[in-house]
Amino acid sequence: MLTAIIFIIVIGVLVLVHEFGHFIMAKRAGMKVEEFGFGFPPRLFSWKKGETVYSFNWIPFGGFVKILGEDGDTRAPHSFASASFLNRLLVLVAGVVMNFFLAAVLLMIVNFFGLRIGLIDGDTGSAQNIKVQIVSVTAGSPAEIAGLRPLDAIEGYKENGVVVPIHTTQDVQDAVASHLGRPLTLEIESGTGVVEKTLTPRVNPPEGQGAIGISLALTGTIVYPWHEAIWRGISDAAFLTIATVQGYYSLLKTLFIHGRLIADVSGPIGIAGLTGQAARVGFNYLLQFVAMISINLAVLNIIPFPALDGGRVVLLLIEKAKGSPVHKSAENLINIAGFYLLIVLMLYITYKDIARFFIK
């Protein structure tokens, strides 16, 4: 339940920021904003301020800004359709810009209060709160069966009833190697406290999995002064944007050339699960995760695909090039086709999430 609540709040904030970008830019361009809605109808409650209706709706996964003439049904004064090319372009990309801005601000906060990064054994520098953390857990491995999860920290292991502390990834490897084929009890810090997890390292594990089926990283918290945290937040957001663009390129290339999705694509269910994991480990982890999702939302929306902001930008550029609007029936057909393709893709990804989390 807590994971679901956190996920709804996170999605709500991301959508609100995105739609606020469209909203504020439309207002600044002199367009009439008829409604600013959080969630999708049916409507829960609303109020009107000036010319705009502000509404809260029952379905929390989304939001919208309704601008006069946005669908091209009128070219009345103060409508979207009657605005200049530049103003319309700015309104379309404003949501993406706001999502990038949100990610940068969140990463500034993370850098100021402490950013957990990977370290090298024996070279921890000025890092604080050093931990040996689990990066990934192989399905069906002794680690997964014992309940170990990504981001768990290994603090020690029991030997003859005495807890031996863990300081490096090599310490974990040595402990596992000395317990092949016999039970090994680990002291695990999971964000809710320290618990014991007992597993038996495999003598002959599958190739590439290791004796217990985990990958590890030595991590520590780096705290930056506020002036350095600001530019690091911006640079981290920019780096994350580049990495996300590369990821979407690989995804689309695999989808259109090979007709399949890469294995690590997650939809709402998968993202909700990851949100819960990040929140369980710490608030800074959650902020980092929200920043990543915000960048993903920005990149996804600017992709030149029908029904997305990027698709509408392409239609606007075509209008500018040909000197007249794209025929409304053709534009509607393109957007409807794109919308249904997105729905089919989302259903497929959601099915994969369900299979991954619930079908054993």
Protein backbone atom coordinates (compact mmCIF):
# COMPACT_ATOMS: atom_id res chain seq x y z
CA MET A 1 0.00 0.00 0.00
CA LEU A 2 2.81 2.43 0.92
CA THR A 3 4.56 1.70 -2.39
CA ALA A 4 1.34 2.43 -4.28
CA ILE A 5 0.86 5.73 -2.43
CA ILE A 6 4.46 6.82 -3.07
CA PHE A 7 4.16 5.83 -6.73
CA ILE A 8 0.94 7.84 -7.17
CA ILE A 9 2.56 10.87 -5.53
CA VAL A 10 5.67 10.56 -7.73
CA ILE A 11 3.65 10.21 -10.94
CA GLY A 12 1.42 13.07 -9.81
CA VAL A 13 4.39 15.39 -9.27
CA LEU A 14 5.99 14.47 -12.60
CA VAL A 15 2.77 14.99 -14.55
CA LEU A 16 1.92 18.18 -12.68
CA VAL A 17 5.34 19.67 -13.48
CA HIS A 18 5.09 18.61 -17.14
CA GLU A 19 1.61 20.04 -17.61
CA PHE A 20 2.54 23.18 -15.67
CA GLY A 21 5.18 23.81 -18.33
CA HIS A 22 2.51 23.79 -21.05
CA PHE A 23 0.19 25.84 -18.83
CA ILE A 24 2.57 28.63 -17.86
CA MET A 25 3.98 29.02 -21.37
CA ALA A 26 0.48 29.16 -22.87
CA LYS A 27 -0.46 31.85 -20.33
CA ARG A 28 2.69 33.85 -21.11
CA ALA A 29 1.93 33.60 -24.83
CA GLY A 30 -1.53 35.09 -24.25
CA MET A 31 -3.46 31.90 -24.98
CA LYS A 32 -6.71 31.10 -23.19
CA VAL A 33 -6.27 28.04 -20.98
CA GLU A 34 -9.74 26.57 -20.48
CA GLU A 35 -8.80 23.85 -17.98
CA PHE A 36 -5.80 22.64 -16.02
CA GLY A 37 -6.61 19.13 -14.84
CA PHE A 38 -4.78 16.77 -12.52
CA GLY A 39 -5.67 13.17 -13.35
CA PHE A 40 -8.24 12.06 -15.89
CA PRO A 41 -12.07 12.30 -15.69
CA PRO A 42 -14.50 11.69 -14.18
CA ARG A 43 -14.03 14.91 -12.26
CA LEU A 44 -13.71 14.81 -8.47
CA PHE A 45 -13.90 18.53 -7.80
CA SER A 46 -12.91 21.81 -9.45
CA TRP A 47 -12.81 25.57 -9.07
CA LYS A 48 -12.50 28.46 -11.51
CA LYS A 49 -10.03 31.30 -11.27
CA GLY A 50 -10.13 33.87 -14.02
CA GLU A 51 -10.76 32.12 -17.33
CA THR A 52 -9.32 28.76 -16.25
CA VAL A 53 -11.01 25.80 -14.54
CA TYR A 54 -8.67 23.88 -12.19
CA SER A 55 -9.84 20.30 -11.69
CA PHE A 56 -8.92 17.19 -9.72
CA ASN A 57 -10.07 13.97 -11.35
CA TRP A 58 -10.63 10.43 -10.17
CA ILE A 59 -7.94 8.70 -12.27
CA PRO A 60 -4.61 9.94 -10.80
CA PHE A 61 -2.23 8.63 -13.49
CA GLY A 62 -1.97 11.67 -15.71
CA GLY A 63 -3.13 15.19 -16.28
CA PHE A 64 -3.91 17.66 -19.01
CA VAL A 65 -4.03 21.29 -20.06
CA LYS A 66 -6.90 22.28 -22.32
CA ILE A 67 -6.00 25.31 -24.44
CA LEU A 68 -8.54 27.09 -26.63
CA GLY A 69 -8.07 26.05 -30.26
CA GLU A 70 -5.45 23.41 -29.42
CA ASP A 71 -7.23 20.92 -31.70
CA GLY A 72 -7.49 23.46 -34.49
CA ASP A 73 -11.26 23.78 -34.12
CA THR A 74 -11.06 27.56 -33.83
CA ARG A 75 -8.68 30.36 -34.76
CA ALA A 76 -10.33 32.85 -32.43
CA PRO A 77 -8.17 35.46 -30.68
CA HIS A 78 -6.08 34.04 -27.81
CA SER A 79 -6.41 30.50 -29.20
CA PHE A 80 -3.53 28.09 -29.75
CA ALA A 81 -4.21 27.92 -33.49
CA SER A 82 -4.07 31.71 -33.90
CA ALA A 83 -0.75 32.08 -32.04
CA SER A 84 2.58 32.54 -33.81
CA PHE A 85 4.72 29.57 -34.86
CA LEU A 86 7.31 30.36 -32.17
CA ASN A 87 4.76 30.62 -29.35
CA ARG A 88 3.12 27.33 -30.33
CA LEU A 89 6.51 25.62 -30.51
CA LEU A 90 7.45 26.94 -27.07
CA VAL A 91 4.16 25.69 -25.59
CA LEU A 92 4.70 22.20 -27.04
CA VAL A 93 8.25 21.82 -25.71
CA ALA A 94 7.65 23.54 -22.37
CA GLY A 95 6.57 20.31 -20.64
CA VAL A 96 9.79 18.58 -21.65
CA VAL A 97 11.88 21.54 -20.46
CA MET A 98 10.09 21.54 -17.10
CA ASN A 99 10.78 17.82 -16.61
CA PHE A 100 14.47 18.42 -17.27
CA PHE A 101 14.42 21.38 -14.87
CA LEU A 102 12.77 19.24 -12.16
CA ALA A 103 15.41 16.54 -12.57
CA ALA A 104 18.21 19.12 -12.32
CA VAL A 105 16.73 20.62 -9.13
CA LEU A 106 16.29 17.18 -7.54
CA LEU A 107 19.89 16.26 -8.38
CA MET A 108 21.08 19.57 -6.92
CA ILE A 109 19.36 18.63 -3.66
CA VAL A 110 20.83 15.13 -3.78
CA ASN A 111 24.35 16.49 -4.36
CA PHE A 112 23.98 18.99 -1.51
CA PHE A 113 22.68 16.51 1.07
CA GLY A 114 24.79 13.61 -0.11
CA LEU A 115 25.13 11.62 -3.30
CA ARG A 116 25.85 7.91 -3.03
CA ILE A 117 28.33 6.84 -5.69
CA GLY A 118 30.42 3.79 -6.54
CA LEU A 119 33.93 3.58 -5.06
CA ILE A 120 37.03 1.48 -5.60
CA ASP A 121 38.11 -0.92 -2.85
CA GLY A 122 40.94 0.74 -0.94
CA ASP A 123 40.32 4.19 -2.43
CA THR A 124 37.35 5.73 -0.64
CA GLY A 125 38.69 9.31 -0.58
CA SER A 126 36.41 11.71 1.33
CA ALA A 127 33.36 9.47 1.03
CA GLN A 128 31.17 8.97 4.10
CA ASN A 129 28.83 6.17 5.20
CA ILE A 130 30.67 3.55 3.15
CA LYS A 131 28.73 0.38 2.37
CA VAL A 132 29.06 -2.80 0.34
CA GLN A 133 25.78 -2.86 -1.59
CA ILE A 134 24.05 -5.35 -3.81
CA VAL A 135 23.67 -4.03 -7.36
CA SER A 136 21.71 -6.91 -8.87
CA VAL A 137 20.28 -10.29 -7.87
CA THR A 138 20.02 -13.19 -10.32
CA ALA A 139 16.61 -14.83 -10.61
CA GLY A 140 16.47 -18.24 -8.94
CA SER A 141 19.83 -17.79 -7.21
CA PRO A 142 20.47 -18.52 -3.51
CA ALA A 143 20.48 -14.74 -2.92
CA GLU A 144 17.01 -14.28 -4.41
CA ILE A 145 15.64 -17.30 -2.54
CA ALA A 146 17.04 -15.86 0.71
CA GLY A 147 15.28 -12.55 0.05
CA LEU A 148 18.23 -10.34 -0.86
CA ARG A 149 17.34 -7.35 -3.04
CA PRO A 150 19.18 -4.67 -5.00
CA LEU A 151 20.45 -1.79 -2.82
CA ASP A 152 20.64 -4.00 0.29
CA ALA A 153 23.92 -3.46 2.14
CA ILE A 154 26.00 -6.35 3.49
CA GLU A 155 27.36 -5.33 6.89
CA GLY A 156 28.89 -8.61 8.02
CA TYR A 157 28.57 -12.39 8.28
CA LYS A 158 28.48 -14.88 11.14
CA GLU A 159 31.39 -17.19 11.80
CA ASN A 160 31.09 -19.51 14.84
CA GLY A 161 28.41 -17.25 16.29
CA VAL A 162 30.55 -14.10 15.97
CA VAL A 163 29.71 -11.33 13.48
CA VAL A 164 32.65 -10.59 11.17
CA PRO A 165 32.32 -7.06 9.71
CA ILE A 166 32.37 -6.48 5.95
CA HIS A 167 34.35 -3.50 4.65
CA THR A 168 35.02 -4.28 0.97
CA THR A 169 33.55 -6.33 -1.87
CA GLN A 170 36.57 -8.63 -1.50
CA ASP A 171 35.48 -9.38 2.08
CA VAL A 172 32.16 -10.67 0.75
CA GLN A 173 33.86 -12.76 -1.92
CA ASP A 174 36.18 -14.30 0.68
CA ALA A 175 33.26 -15.09 2.99
CA VAL A 176 31.33 -16.77 0.18
CA ALA A 177 34.39 -18.73 -0.97
CA SER A 178 34.92 -20.09 2.56
CA HIS A 179 31.31 -21.30 2.81
CA LEU A 180 30.82 -23.13 -0.50
CA GLY A 181 28.22 -25.84 -0.03
CA ARG A 182 27.40 -24.86 3.55
CA PRO A 183 25.12 -22.22 5.10
CA LEU A 184 26.30 -18.60 5.27
CA THR A 185 24.46 -16.09 7.46
CA LEU A 186 24.75 -12.48 6.30
CA GLU A 187 23.95 -9.32 8.26
CA ILE A 188 21.86 -7.23 5.83
CA GLU A 189 20.91 -3.56 6.20
CA SER A 190 17.81 -3.05 4.08
CA GLY A 191 16.63 0.43 5.05
CA THR A 192 14.21 -0.88 7.67
CA GLY A 193 16.94 -2.19 9.95
CA VAL A 194 19.54 -4.95 10.09
CA VAL A 195 18.29 -8.49 9.49
CA GLU A 196 19.94 -11.87 9.10
CA LYS A 197 19.69 -13.76 5.82
CA THR A 198 20.96 -17.31 5.52
CA LEU A 199 21.87 -18.89 2.17
CA THR A 200 24.11 -21.65 0.85
CA PRO A 201 26.72 -20.67 -1.77
CA ARG A 202 26.72 -23.03 -4.74
CA VAL A 203 29.80 -25.14 -5.41
CA ASN A 204 29.14 -25.28 -9.16
CA PRO A 205 27.03 -22.23 -10.06
CA PRO A 206 25.81 -21.50 -13.62
CA GLU A 207 28.36 -19.64 -15.71
CA GLY A 208 28.47 -15.93 -14.98
CA GLN A 209 26.25 -16.05 -11.89
CA GLY A 210 28.69 -16.60 -9.05
CA ALA A 211 28.15 -18.78 -6.00
CA ILE A 212 25.22 -16.80 -4.57
CA GLY A 213 24.05 -14.87 -7.65
CA ILE A 214 24.72 -11.20 -6.84
CA SER A 215 26.85 -8.37 -8.13
CA LEU A 216 28.33 -5.92 -5.63
CA ALA A 217 29.60 -2.36 -5.42
CA LEU A 218 31.42 -0.43 -2.74
CA THR A 219 29.51 2.82 -2.31
CA GLY A 220 29.88 5.98 -0.27
CA THR A 221 28.15 9.32 0.19
CA ILE A 222 29.78 12.42 -1.26
CA VAL A 223 28.53 15.79 0.00
CA TYR A 224 29.13 18.93 -2.07
CA PRO A 225 28.90 22.61 -1.05
CA TRP A 226 25.80 24.39 -2.36
CA HIS A 227 27.57 26.27 -5.17
CA GLU A 228 29.10 23.05 -6.49
CA ALA A 229 25.87 21.10 -5.98
CA ILE A 230 24.08 23.50 -8.36
CA TRP A 231 26.30 22.96 -11.38
CA ARG A 232 26.69 19.25 -10.60
CA GLY A 233 22.91 18.90 -10.55
CA ILE A 234 22.70 20.46 -14.01
CA SER A 235 25.58 18.41 -15.41
CA ASP A 236 24.20 15.19 -13.90
CA ALA A 237 20.81 15.91 -15.49
CA ALA A 238 22.48 16.54 -18.84
CA PHE A 239 24.50 13.33 -18.60
CA LEU A 240 21.37 11.41 -17.63
CA THR A 241 19.52 12.89 -20.62
CA ILE A 242 22.24 11.74 -23.02
CA ALA A 243 22.22 8.24 -21.51
CA THR A 244 18.42 8.10 -21.74
CA VAL A 245 18.43 9.17 -25.39
CA GLN A 246 20.92 6.39 -26.12
CA GLY A 247 18.73 3.93 -24.25
CA TYR A 248 15.61 4.88 -26.20
CA TYR A 249 17.57 4.66 -29.44
CA SER A 250 18.58 1.08 -28.61
CA LEU A 251 15.01 0.25 -27.58
CA LEU A 252 13.44 1.60 -30.78
CA LYS A 253 16.14 0.07 -32.95
CA THR A 254 15.53 -3.35 -31.40
CA LEU A 255 11.77 -2.92 -31.66
CA PHE A 256 11.61 -1.88 -35.32
CA ILE A 257 14.51 -3.92 -36.70
CA HIS A 258 14.11 -7.15 -34.68
CA GLY A 259 10.44 -6.84 -33.72
CA ARG A 260 10.99 -7.29 -30.01
CA LEU A 261 11.56 -5.27 -26.86
CA ILE A 262 14.79 -5.46 -24.91
CA ALA A 263 14.36 -7.46 -21.71
CA ASP A 264 14.79 -4.66 -19.18
CA VAL A 265 11.90 -2.41 -20.27
CA SER A 266 9.49 -1.64 -17.42
CA GLY A 267 5.98 -0.21 -17.42
CA PRO A 268 3.85 1.23 -14.59
CA ILE A 269 3.97 -1.93 -12.46
CA GLY A 270 7.73 -2.28 -12.79
CA ILE A 271 8.29 1.42 -12.10
CA ALA A 272 6.03 1.24 -9.05
CA GLY A 273 8.11 -1.64 -7.69
CA LEU A 274 11.37 0.23 -8.29
CA THR A 275 9.90 3.35 -6.66
CA GLY A 276 9.13 1.32 -3.55
CA GLN A 277 12.67 -0.07 -3.47
CA ALA A 278 14.20 3.39 -3.80
CA ALA A 279 11.96 4.81 -1.05
CA ARG A 280 12.77 1.86 1.20
CA VAL A 281 16.52 2.52 1.01
CA GLY A 282 16.40 6.28 1.58
CA PHE A 283 14.96 9.64 0.61
CA ASN A 284 17.98 10.59 -1.51
CA TYR A 285 17.61 7.38 -3.49
CA LEU A 286 13.98 8.27 -4.11
CA LEU A 287 14.95 11.76 -5.30
CA GLN A 288 17.54 10.28 -7.66
CA PHE A 289 14.98 7.81 -9.00
CA VAL A 290 12.36 10.52 -9.52
CA ALA A 291 14.96 12.60 -11.39
CA MET A 292 15.66 9.63 -13.66
CA ILE A 293 11.95 9.09 -14.34
CA SER A 294 11.51 12.81 -15.02
CA ILE A 295 14.28 12.71 -17.63
CA ASN A 296 12.73 9.58 -19.14
CA LEU A 297 9.37 11.34 -19.38
CA ALA A 298 11.02 14.32 -21.07
CA VAL A 299 12.87 12.20 -23.64
CA LEU A 300 9.85 10.00 -24.30
CA ASN A 301 7.61 13.00 -24.93
CA ILE A 302 9.99 14.70 -27.37
CA ILE A 303 10.31 11.59 -29.55
CA PRO A 304 8.73 12.48 -32.94
CA PHE A 305 5.92 9.95 -32.52
CA PRO A 306 2.20 10.71 -33.11
CA ALA A 307 0.21 11.68 -29.99
CA LEU A 308 3.37 12.77 -28.15
CA ASP A 309 4.70 16.32 -27.85
CA GLY A 310 7.46 15.47 -30.32
CA GLY A 311 4.93 14.27 -32.86
CA ARG A 312 2.99 17.54 -32.57
CA VAL A 313 6.24 19.48 -33.03
CA VAL A 314 6.85 17.60 -36.28
CA LEU A 315 3.36 18.50 -37.54
CA LEU A 316 4.01 22.13 -36.59
CA LEU A 317 7.30 22.09 -38.51
CA ILE A 318 5.53 20.60 -41.54
CA GLU A 319 2.95 23.40 -41.31
CA LYS A 320 5.76 25.97 -41.20
CA ALA A 321 7.50 24.40 -44.21
CA LYS A 322 4.39 24.14 -46.42
CA GLY A 323 2.90 27.45 -45.34
CA SER A 324 -0.46 26.02 -44.31
CA PRO A 325 -1.79 23.74 -41.53
CA VAL A 326 -1.79 19.98 -41.96
CA HIS A 327 -5.29 18.83 -42.92
CA LYS A 328 -7.19 18.34 -39.69
CA SER A 329 -8.60 14.91 -40.61
CA ALA A 330 -5.11 13.66 -41.47
CA GLU A 331 -3.67 15.06 -38.22
CA ASN A 332 -6.44 13.42 -36.19
CA LEU A 333 -5.91 10.09 -37.94
CA ILE A 334 -2.16 10.21 -37.28
CA ASN A 335 -2.64 11.08 -33.61
CA ILE A 336 -5.30 8.41 -33.07
CA ALA A 337 -3.12 5.76 -34.71
CA GLY A 338 -0.16 6.81 -32.56
CA PHE A 339 -2.31 6.78 -29.42
CA TYR A 340 -3.52 3.22 -30.04
CA LEU A 341 0.01 2.05 -30.80
CA LEU A 342 1.15 3.51 -27.47
CA ILE A 343 -1.71 1.75 -25.68
CA VAL A 344 -0.80 -1.60 -27.27
CA LEU A 345 2.87 -1.09 -26.35
CA MET A 346 1.94 -0.16 -22.77
CA LEU A 347 -0.29 -3.21 -22.40
CA TYR A 348 2.51 -5.44 -23.67
CA ILE A 349 5.05 -3.93 -21.27
CA THR A 350 2.55 -4.20 -18.41
CA TYR A 351 2.05 -7.89 -19.22
CA LYS A 352 5.82 -8.38 -19.05
CA ASP A 353 5.88 -6.60 -15.67
CA ILE A 354 3.15 -8.89 -14.34
CA ALA A 355 4.95 -11.95 -15.65
CA ARG A 356 8.23 -10.79 -14.12
CA PHE A 357 6.83 -9.98 -10.67
CA PHE A 358 3.91 -12.37 -10.24
CA ILE A 359 4.29 -15.38 -12.54
CA LYS A 360 6.86 -17.78 -11.20
